[in-house]
Amino acid sequence: MSDKYQLEWVKEAISDLEECRNFLKSKNPKAAKNAIKRIIEVTKLLLEQPHLGHPIDDMPEFQKINIPFGKYGYVIKYRVDNKKIVILRIKAGLQERGFK
């Protein structure tokens, strides 16, 4: 049996990623490309280090990881489900307060 994790994105996380890209693209296309590249790199890093993030207060089954980028960065909310890492949401650092 394989010890490798699989990555799964829920539709809300895909929409979040597109929203981040579209918002930045209108202001700075190069920054948009770099931000998306960095977010994808971090999600792939979770395949090797699934507990790299920190538990979310009052919701220990979920974890979040902060991604430095620009002034506010991004936050990925995810859960580890057996050998699957499920990407649940991606938000700009300013939006993190409503992450529950």
Protein backbone atom coordinates (compact mmCIF):
# COMPACT_ATOMS: atom_id res chain seq x y z
CA MET A 1 0.00 0.00 0.00
CA SER A 2 1.31 3.46 -0.93
CA ASP A 3 2.20 6.03 1.71
CA LYS A 4 1.68 8.87 -0.75
CA TYR A 5 -0.97 11.49 -0.20
CA GLN A 6 -3.36 12.68 -2.88
CA LEU A 7 -4.44 16.26 -3.36
CA GLU A 8 -8.11 17.11 -3.84
CA TRP A 9 -9.57 20.57 -4.43
CA VAL A 10 -13.21 21.24 -3.64
CA LYS A 11 -15.05 23.50 -6.08
CA GLU A 12 -15.07 26.43 -3.62
CA ALA A 13 -11.27 26.34 -3.41
CA ILE A 14 -10.98 26.32 -7.20
CA SER A 15 -13.34 29.31 -7.34
CA ASP A 16 -11.28 31.06 -4.66
CA LEU A 17 -8.11 30.51 -6.67
CA GLU A 18 -9.74 31.92 -9.80
CA GLU A 19 -11.04 34.89 -7.82
CA CYS A 20 -7.56 35.63 -6.46
CA ARG A 21 -6.09 35.42 -9.95
CA ASN A 22 -8.74 37.61 -11.54
CA PHE A 23 -8.50 40.26 -8.83
CA LEU A 24 -4.72 40.55 -9.13
CA LYS A 25 -4.65 40.16 -12.92
CA SER A 26 -6.60 43.38 -13.41
CA LYS A 27 -4.01 45.26 -11.34
CA ASN A 28 -0.78 43.41 -12.05
CA PRO A 29 -0.76 40.38 -14.39
CA LYS A 30 2.76 39.34 -13.39
CA ALA A 31 1.86 39.39 -9.68
CA ALA A 32 -1.25 37.33 -10.43
CA LYS A 33 0.83 34.68 -12.17
CA ASN A 34 3.38 34.61 -9.33
CA ALA A 35 0.70 34.44 -6.61
CA ILE A 36 -1.06 31.48 -8.23
CA LYS A 37 2.27 29.75 -8.80
CA ARG A 38 3.17 30.19 -5.12
CA ILE A 39 -0.23 28.92 -3.91
CA ILE A 40 0.08 25.82 -6.11
CA GLU A 41 3.64 25.20 -4.87
CA VAL A 42 2.48 25.28 -1.26
CA THR A 43 -0.41 22.91 -1.90
CA LYS A 44 2.03 20.48 -3.52
CA LEU A 45 4.36 20.85 -0.53
CA LEU A 46 1.49 19.59 1.64
CA LEU A 47 1.78 16.24 -0.16
CA GLU A 48 5.15 15.78 1.52
CA GLN A 49 4.32 17.59 4.77
CA PRO A 50 0.56 17.27 5.31
CA HIS A 51 0.62 18.76 8.79
CA LEU A 52 2.67 21.79 7.83
CA GLY A 53 -0.25 24.08 8.70
CA HIS A 54 -1.73 24.95 12.06
CA PRO A 55 -5.07 23.81 13.52
CA ILE A 56 -7.86 26.35 13.19
CA ASP A 57 -9.22 27.54 16.54
CA ASP A 58 -12.34 25.63 17.62
CA MET A 59 -12.04 23.39 14.52
CA PRO A 60 -9.05 21.07 15.09
CA GLU A 61 -10.01 18.84 12.16
CA PHE A 62 -9.11 21.73 9.84
CA GLN A 63 -5.73 23.32 9.31
CA LYS A 64 -4.59 26.54 7.75
CA ILE A 65 -1.33 27.61 6.26
CA ASN A 66 -0.25 31.19 5.66
CA ILE A 67 1.47 31.99 2.38
CA PRO A 68 3.53 35.16 2.41
CA PHE A 69 2.93 37.14 -0.76
CA GLY A 70 2.73 40.88 -1.20
CA LYS A 71 1.35 42.96 1.64
CA TYR A 72 -1.21 40.51 3.05
CA GLY A 73 -0.47 37.08 1.60
CA TYR A 74 -2.92 34.20 1.34
CA VAL A 75 -4.35 31.57 3.64
CA ILE A 76 -5.20 28.02 2.62
CA LYS A 77 -7.74 26.09 4.67
CA TYR A 78 -7.49 22.32 4.33
CA ARG A 79 -8.01 19.01 6.05
CA VAL A 80 -6.12 15.76 6.04
CA ASP A 81 -8.49 12.85 5.44
CA ASN A 82 -6.60 9.53 5.62
CA LYS A 83 -4.19 9.79 2.68
CA LYS A 84 -6.00 12.69 1.06
CA ILE A 85 -5.31 16.40 1.50
CA VAL A 86 -8.49 18.31 0.75
CA ILE A 87 -8.03 21.97 -0.15
CA LEU A 88 -11.17 23.67 1.14
CA ARG A 89 -10.68 27.42 0.71
CA ILE A 90 -8.09 29.98 -0.33
CA LYS A 91 -8.42 33.56 0.84
CA ALA A 92 -6.38 36.72 0.79
CA GLY A 93 -4.88 37.44 4.21
CA LEU A 94 -7.34 40.31 4.71
CA GLN A 95 -10.26 37.91 4.34
CA GLU A 96 -8.99 35.40 6.90
CA ARG A 97 -11.24 36.58 9.74
CA GLY A 98 -14.30 35.07 8.08
CA PHE A 99 -12.62 31.71 7.58
CA LYS A 100 -14.77 29.65 9.93
